[in-house]
Amino acid sequence: MNEKKDINDIRKLVNECIDEGKVEFLTNLIYTFQKNYIEVAELCTEGEYNISWSHKKLLDYITYETN
């Protein structure tokens, strides 16, 4: 994975959306990513996930608290 390329591609997409007035598309994309993240987090923690958890807390819980 090339992180720098990935970030540049995302930056380009964001700028294109803003320039072309596609803020609604960008908003829906971010919303969908967030919703999917929460769904996966809930599945990985068997329903214990709390939206206030940091990503590190989630990873620690998955690593140390689940079997």
PDB file of N, CA and C in Angstrom:
ATOM      1  N   MET A   1       0.853  -1.180   0.000  1.00  0.00           N
ATOM      2  CA  MET A   1       0.000   0.000   0.000  1.00  0.00           C
ATOM      3  C   MET A   1       0.897   1.240   0.000  1.00  0.00           C
ATOM      4  N   ASN A   2       0.604   2.147  -0.880  1.00  0.00           N
ATOM      5  CA  ASN A   2       1.351   3.394  -0.950  1.00  0.00           C
ATOM      6  C   ASN A   2       0.498   4.493  -0.319  1.00  0.00           C
ATOM      7  N   GLU A   3       0.765   4.766   0.964  1.00  0.00           N
ATOM      8  CA  GLU A   3      -0.063   5.706   1.732  1.00  0.00           C
ATOM      9  C   GLU A   3      -0.069   7.101   1.121  1.00  0.00           C
ATOM     10  N   LYS A   4       1.093   7.576   0.678  1.00  0.00           N
ATOM     11  CA  LYS A   4       1.179   8.919   0.114  1.00  0.00           C
ATOM     12  C   LYS A   4       0.324   9.030  -1.153  1.00  0.00           C
ATOM     13  N   LYS A   5       0.365   8.000  -2.020  1.00  0.00           N
ATOM     14  CA  LYS A   5      -0.452   8.000  -3.226  1.00  0.00           C
ATOM     15  C   LYS A   5      -1.932   7.964  -2.871  1.00  0.00           C
ATOM     16  N   ASP A   6      -2.283   7.119  -1.885  1.00  0.00           N
ATOM     17  CA  ASP A   6      -3.678   7.020  -1.469  1.00  0.00           C
ATOM     18  C   ASP A   6      -4.201   8.359  -0.970  1.00  0.00           C
ATOM     19  N   ILE A   7      -3.422   9.036  -0.146  1.00  0.00           N
ATOM     20  CA  ILE A   7      -3.835  10.338   0.390  1.00  0.00           C
ATOM     21  C   ILE A   7      -3.971  11.351  -0.740  1.00  0.00           C
ATOM     22  N   ASN A   8      -3.038  11.337  -1.660  1.00  0.00           N
ATOM     23  CA  ASN A   8      -3.122  12.261  -2.801  1.00  0.00           C
ATOM     24  C   ASN A   8      -4.344  11.979  -3.658  1.00  0.00           C
ATOM     25  N   ASP A   9      -4.680  10.710  -3.865  1.00  0.00           N
ATOM     26  CA  ASP A   9      -5.883  10.363  -4.632  1.00  0.00           C
ATOM     27  C   ASP A   9      -7.139  10.853  -3.922  1.00  0.00           C
ATOM     28  N   ILE A  10      -7.177  10.693  -2.613  1.00  0.00           N
ATOM     29  CA  ILE A  10      -8.338  11.153  -1.836  1.00  0.00           C
ATOM     30  C   ILE A  10      -8.435  12.676  -1.889  1.00  0.00           C
ATOM     31  N   ARG A  11      -7.298  13.352  -1.743  1.00  0.00           N
ATOM     32  CA  ARG A  11      -7.277  14.813  -1.811  1.00  0.00           C
ATOM     33  C   ARG A  11      -7.801  15.291  -3.170  1.00  0.00           C
ATOM     34  N   LYS A  12      -7.374  14.602  -4.222  1.00  0.00           N
ATOM     35  CA  LYS A  12      -7.821  14.959  -5.577  1.00  0.00           C
ATOM     36  C   LYS A  12      -9.337  14.787  -5.697  1.00  0.00           C
ATOM     37  N   LEU A  13      -9.875  13.680  -5.186  1.00  0.00           N
ATOM     38  CA  LEU A  13     -11.314  13.445  -5.222  1.00  0.00           C
ATOM     39  C   LEU A  13     -12.069  14.523  -4.450  1.00  0.00           C
ATOM     40  N   VAL A  14     -11.592  14.865  -3.259  1.00  0.00           N
ATOM     41  CA  VAL A  14     -12.237  15.899  -2.445  1.00  0.00           C
ATOM     42  C   VAL A  14     -12.237  17.236  -3.189  1.00  0.00           C
ATOM     43  N   ASN A  15     -11.101  17.605  -3.740  1.00  0.00           N
ATOM     44  CA  ASN A  15     -11.011  18.872  -4.472  1.00  0.00           C
ATOM     45  C   ASN A  15     -11.933  18.884  -5.688  1.00  0.00           C
ATOM     46  N   GLU A  16     -12.005  17.770  -6.411  1.00  0.00           N
ATOM     47  CA  GLU A  16     -12.908  17.688  -7.566  1.00  0.00           C
ATOM     48  C   GLU A  16     -14.362  17.849  -7.135  1.00  0.00           C
ATOM     49  N   CYS A  17     -14.727  17.197  -6.045  1.00  0.00           N
ATOM     50  CA  CYS A  17     -16.101  17.304  -5.554  1.00  0.00           C
ATOM     51  C   CYS A  17     -16.441  18.740  -5.172  1.00  0.00           C
ATOM     52  N   ILE A  18     -15.518  19.401  -4.510  1.00  0.00           N
ATOM     53  CA  ILE A  18     -15.749  20.786  -4.105  1.00  0.00           C
ATOM     54  C   ILE A  18     -15.834  21.686  -5.333  1.00  0.00           C
ATOM     55  N   ASP A  19     -14.883  21.528  -6.252  1.00  0.00           N
ATOM     56  CA  ASP A  19     -14.854  22.361  -7.459  1.00  0.00           C
ATOM     57  C   ASP A  19     -16.106  22.177  -8.317  1.00  0.00           C
ATOM     58  N   GLU A  20     -16.629  20.964  -8.353  1.00  0.00           N
ATOM     59  CA  GLU A  20     -17.786  20.665  -9.196  1.00  0.00           C
ATOM     60  C   GLU A  20     -19.110  20.751  -8.439  1.00  0.00           C
ATOM     61  N   GLY A  21     -19.060  21.238  -7.200  1.00  0.00           N
ATOM     62  CA  GLY A  21     -20.282  21.408  -6.421  1.00  0.00           C
ATOM     63  C   GLY A  21     -20.924  20.095  -6.010  1.00  0.00           C
ATOM     64  N   LYS A  22     -20.128  19.063  -5.817  1.00  0.00           N
ATOM     65  CA  LYS A  22     -20.652  17.753  -5.446  1.00  0.00           C
ATOM     66  C   LYS A  22     -20.442  17.472  -3.959  1.00  0.00           C
ATOM     67  N   VAL A  23     -20.745  18.462  -3.162  1.00  0.00           N
ATOM     68  CA  VAL A  23     -20.571  18.335  -1.719  1.00  0.00           C
ATOM     69  C   VAL A  23     -21.518  17.273  -1.161  1.00  0.00           C
ATOM     70  N   GLU A  24     -22.708  17.154  -1.736  1.00  0.00           N
ATOM     71  CA  GLU A  24     -23.664  16.143  -1.284  1.00  0.00           C
ATOM     72  C   GLU A  24     -23.102  14.732  -1.490  1.00  0.00           C
ATOM     73  N   PHE A  25     -22.449  14.506  -2.625  1.00  0.00           N
ATOM     74  CA  PHE A  25     -21.805  13.217  -2.897  1.00  0.00           C
ATOM     75  C   PHE A  25     -20.744  12.934  -1.842  1.00  0.00           C
ATOM     76  N   LEU A  26     -19.920  13.921  -1.559  1.00  0.00           N
ATOM     77  CA  LEU A  26     -18.850  13.773  -0.576  1.00  0.00           C
ATOM     78  C   LEU A  26     -19.424  13.503   0.818  1.00  0.00           C
ATOM     79  N   THR A  27     -20.472  14.201   1.164  1.00  0.00           N
ATOM     80  CA  THR A  27     -21.143  14.003   2.450  1.00  0.00           C
ATOM     81  C   THR A  27     -21.680  12.581   2.568  1.00  0.00           C
ATOM     82  N   ASN A  28     -22.327  12.104   1.523  1.00  0.00           N
ATOM     83  CA  ASN A  28     -22.856  10.735   1.533  1.00  0.00           C
ATOM     84  C   ASN A  28     -21.747   9.699   1.609  1.00  0.00           C
ATOM     85  N   LEU A  29     -20.638   9.953   0.960  1.00  0.00           N
ATOM     86  CA  LEU A  29     -19.499   9.043   0.992  1.00  0.00           C
ATOM     87  C   LEU A  29     -18.938   8.934   2.413  1.00  0.00           C
ATOM     88  N   ILE A  30     -18.740  10.068   3.063  1.00  0.00           N
ATOM     89  CA  ILE A  30     -18.225  10.075   4.435  1.00  0.00           C
ATOM     90  C   ILE A  30     -19.222   9.395   5.372  1.00  0.00           C
ATOM     91  N   TYR A  31     -20.489   9.682   5.205  1.00  0.00           N
ATOM     92  CA  TYR A  31     -21.522   9.065   6.040  1.00  0.00           C
ATOM     93  C   TYR A  31     -21.515   7.545   5.891  1.00  0.00           C
ATOM     94  N   THR A  32     -21.410   7.078   4.653  1.00  0.00           N
ATOM     95  CA  THR A  32     -21.394   5.634   4.398  1.00  0.00           C
ATOM     96  C   THR A  32     -20.172   4.977   5.012  1.00  0.00           C
ATOM     97  N   PHE A  33     -19.004   5.610   4.875  1.00  0.00           N
ATOM     98  CA  PHE A  33     -17.793   5.065   5.497  1.00  0.00           C
ATOM     99  C   PHE A  33     -17.956   4.966   7.011  1.00  0.00           C
ATOM    100  N   GLN A  34     -18.483   6.007   7.616  1.00  0.00           N
ATOM    101  CA  GLN A  34     -18.675   6.006   9.063  1.00  0.00           C
ATOM    102  C   GLN A  34     -19.659   4.920   9.489  1.00  0.00           C
ATOM    103  N   LYS A  35     -20.755   4.805   8.775  1.00  0.00           N
ATOM    104  CA  LYS A  35     -21.770   3.798   9.085  1.00  0.00           C
ATOM    105  C   LYS A  35     -21.182   2.394   8.966  1.00  0.00           C
ATOM    106  N   ASN A  36     -20.413   2.149   7.919  1.00  0.00           N
ATOM    107  CA  ASN A  36     -19.789   0.840   7.725  1.00  0.00           C
ATOM    108  C   ASN A  36     -18.765   0.540   8.813  1.00  0.00           C
ATOM    109  N   TYR A  37     -17.988   1.539   9.206  1.00  0.00           N
ATOM    110  CA  TYR A  37     -17.008   1.370  10.279  1.00  0.00           C
ATOM    111  C   TYR A  37     -17.705   0.949  11.569  1.00  0.00           C
ATOM    112  N   ILE A  38     -18.783   1.635  11.909  1.00  0.00           N
ATOM    113  CA  ILE A  38     -19.528   1.327  13.132  1.00  0.00           C
ATOM    114  C   ILE A  38     -20.106  -0.079  13.060  1.00  0.00           C
ATOM    115  N   GLU A  39     -20.641  -0.443  11.911  1.00  0.00           N
ATOM    116  CA  GLU A  39     -21.210  -1.782  11.755  1.00  0.00           C
ATOM    117  C   GLU A  39     -20.141  -2.866  11.954  1.00  0.00           C
ATOM    118  N   VAL A  40     -18.977  -2.685  11.345  1.00  0.00           N
ATOM    119  CA  VAL A  40     -17.890  -3.653  11.504  1.00  0.00           C
ATOM    120  C   VAL A  40     -17.408  -3.673  12.957  1.00  0.00           C
ATOM    121  N   ALA A  41     -17.299  -2.503  13.574  1.00  0.00           N
ATOM    122  CA  ALA A  41     -16.869  -2.432  14.975  1.00  0.00           C
ATOM    123  C   ALA A  41     -17.840  -3.171  15.883  1.00  0.00           C
ATOM    124  N   GLU A  42     -19.128  -3.004  15.641  1.00  0.00           N
ATOM    125  CA  GLU A  42     -20.126  -3.702  16.450  1.00  0.00           C
ATOM    126  C   GLU A  42     -20.044  -5.212  16.252  1.00  0.00           C
ATOM    127  N   LEU A  43     -19.831  -5.636  15.022  1.00  0.00           N
ATOM    128  CA  LEU A  43     -19.702  -7.068  14.752  1.00  0.00           C
ATOM    129  C   LEU A  43     -18.453  -7.647  15.412  1.00  0.00           C
ATOM    130  N   CYS A  44     -17.343  -6.929  15.322  1.00  0.00           N
ATOM    131  CA  CYS A  44     -16.076  -7.413  15.882  1.00  0.00           C
ATOM    132  C   CYS A  44     -16.100  -7.475  17.402  1.00  0.00           C
ATOM    133  N   THR A  45     -16.915  -6.655  18.017  1.00  0.00           N
ATOM    134  CA  THR A  45     -16.970  -6.622  19.487  1.00  0.00           C
ATOM    135  C   THR A  45     -18.224  -7.297  20.025  1.00  0.00           C
ATOM    136  N   GLU A  46     -18.932  -7.977  19.160  1.00  0.00           N
ATOM    137  CA  GLU A  46     -20.167  -8.668  19.529  1.00  0.00           C
ATOM    138  C   GLU A  46     -21.149  -7.733  20.239  1.00  0.00           C
ATOM    139  N   GLY A  47     -21.277  -6.530  19.695  1.00  0.00           N
ATOM    140  CA  GLY A  47     -22.241  -5.562  20.202  1.00  0.00           C
ATOM    141  C   GLY A  47     -21.766  -4.686  21.342  1.00  0.00           C
ATOM    142  N   GLU A  48     -20.537  -4.856  21.773  1.00  0.00           N
ATOM    143  CA  GLU A  48     -20.018  -4.069  22.901  1.00  0.00           C
ATOM    144  C   GLU A  48     -19.489  -2.697  22.500  1.00  0.00           C
ATOM    145  N   TYR A  49     -19.247  -2.490  21.223  1.00  0.00           N
ATOM    146  CA  TYR A  49     -18.670  -1.234  20.748  1.00  0.00           C
ATOM    147  C   TYR A  49     -19.514  -0.044  21.162  1.00  0.00           C
ATOM    148  N   ASN A  50     -18.831   1.002  21.580  1.00  0.00           N
ATOM    149  CA  ASN A  50     -19.478   2.263  21.933  1.00  0.00           C
ATOM    150  C   ASN A  50     -18.879   3.337  21.023  1.00  0.00           C
ATOM    151  N   ILE A  51     -19.726   4.139  20.416  1.00  0.00           N
ATOM    152  CA  ILE A  51     -19.279   5.139  19.447  1.00  0.00           C
ATOM    153  C   ILE A  51     -18.272   6.130  20.045  1.00  0.00           C
ATOM    154  N   SER A  52     -18.224   6.240  21.367  1.00  0.00           N
ATOM    155  CA  SER A  52     -17.276   7.158  22.008  1.00  0.00           C
ATOM    156  C   SER A  52     -15.861   6.588  22.067  1.00  0.00           C
ATOM    157  N   TRP A  53     -15.707   5.287  21.753  1.00  0.00           N
ATOM    158  CA  TRP A  53     -14.387   4.673  21.799  1.00  0.00           C
ATOM    159  C   TRP A  53     -13.469   5.259  20.739  1.00  0.00           C
ATOM    160  N   SER A  54     -12.203   5.392  21.081  1.00  0.00           N
ATOM    161  CA  SER A  54     -11.199   5.761  20.076  1.00  0.00           C
ATOM    162  C   SER A  54     -10.913   4.523  19.222  1.00  0.00           C
ATOM    163  N   HIS A  55     -10.252   4.728  18.104  1.00  0.00           N
ATOM    164  CA  HIS A  55      -9.889   3.597  17.254  1.00  0.00           C
ATOM    165  C   HIS A  55      -8.937   2.665  18.010  1.00  0.00           C
ATOM    166  N   LYS A  56      -8.031   3.246  18.789  1.00  0.00           N
ATOM    167  CA  LYS A  56      -7.099   2.440  19.582  1.00  0.00           C
ATOM    168  C   LYS A  56      -7.854   1.580  20.592  1.00  0.00           C
ATOM    169  N   LYS A  57      -8.848   2.152  21.250  1.00  0.00           N
ATOM    170  CA  LYS A  57      -9.642   1.387  22.214  1.00  0.00           C
ATOM    171  C   LYS A  57     -10.339   0.232  21.516  1.00  0.00           C
ATOM    172  N   LEU A  58     -10.878   0.485  20.334  1.00  0.00           N
ATOM    173  CA  LEU A  58     -11.528  -0.574  19.573  1.00  0.00           C
ATOM    174  C   LEU A  58     -10.540  -1.692  19.250  1.00  0.00           C
ATOM    175  N   LEU A  59      -9.368  -1.333  18.754  1.00  0.00           N
ATOM    176  CA  LEU A  59      -8.359  -2.335  18.422  1.00  0.00           C
ATOM    177  C   LEU A  59      -7.909  -3.102  19.657  1.00  0.00           C
ATOM    178  N   ASP A  60      -7.719  -2.401  20.767  1.00  0.00           N
ATOM    179  CA  ASP A  60      -7.345  -3.069  22.020  1.00  0.00           C
ATOM    180  C   ASP A  60      -8.432  -4.040  22.472  1.00  0.00           C
ATOM    181  N   TYR A  61      -9.667  -3.623  22.368  1.00  0.00           N
ATOM    182  CA  TYR A  61     -10.783  -4.494  22.763  1.00  0.00           C
ATOM    183  C   TYR A  61     -10.798  -5.747  21.898  1.00  0.00           C
ATOM    184  N   ILE A  62     -10.682  -5.568  20.589  1.00  0.00           N
ATOM    185  CA  ILE A  62     -10.687  -6.720  19.678  1.00  0.00           C
ATOM    186  C   ILE A  62      -9.500  -7.644  19.986  1.00  0.00           C
ATOM    187  N   THR A  63      -8.358  -7.053  20.282  1.00  0.00           N
ATOM    188  CA  THR A  63      -7.138  -7.840  20.525  1.00  0.00           C
ATOM    189  C   THR A  63      -7.192  -8.588  21.853  1.00  0.00           C
ATOM    190  N   TYR A  64      -7.643  -7.912  22.910  1.00  0.00           N
ATOM    191  CA  TYR A  64      -7.514  -8.477  24.256  1.00  0.00           C
ATOM    192  C   TYR A  64      -8.816  -9.002  24.871  1.00  0.00           C
ATOM    193  N   GLU A  65      -9.953  -8.555  24.395  1.00  0.00           N
ATOM    194  CA  GLU A  65     -11.210  -8.903  25.065  1.00  0.00           C
ATOM    195  C   GLU A  65     -12.066  -9.926  24.315  1.00  0.00           C
ATOM    196  N   THR A  66     -11.792 -10.127  23.042  1.00  0.00           N
ATOM    197  CA  THR A  66     -12.600 -11.093  22.290  1.00  0.00           C
ATOM    198  C   THR A  66     -11.821 -12.382  22.094  1.00  0.00           C
ATOM    199  N   ASN A  67     -12.529 -13.445  21.925  1.00  0.00           N
ATOM    200  CA  ASN A  67     -11.876 -14.753  21.729  1.00  0.00           C
ATOM    201  C   ASN A  67     -11.881 -15.132  20.281  1.00  0.00           C
TER     202      ASN A  67
END
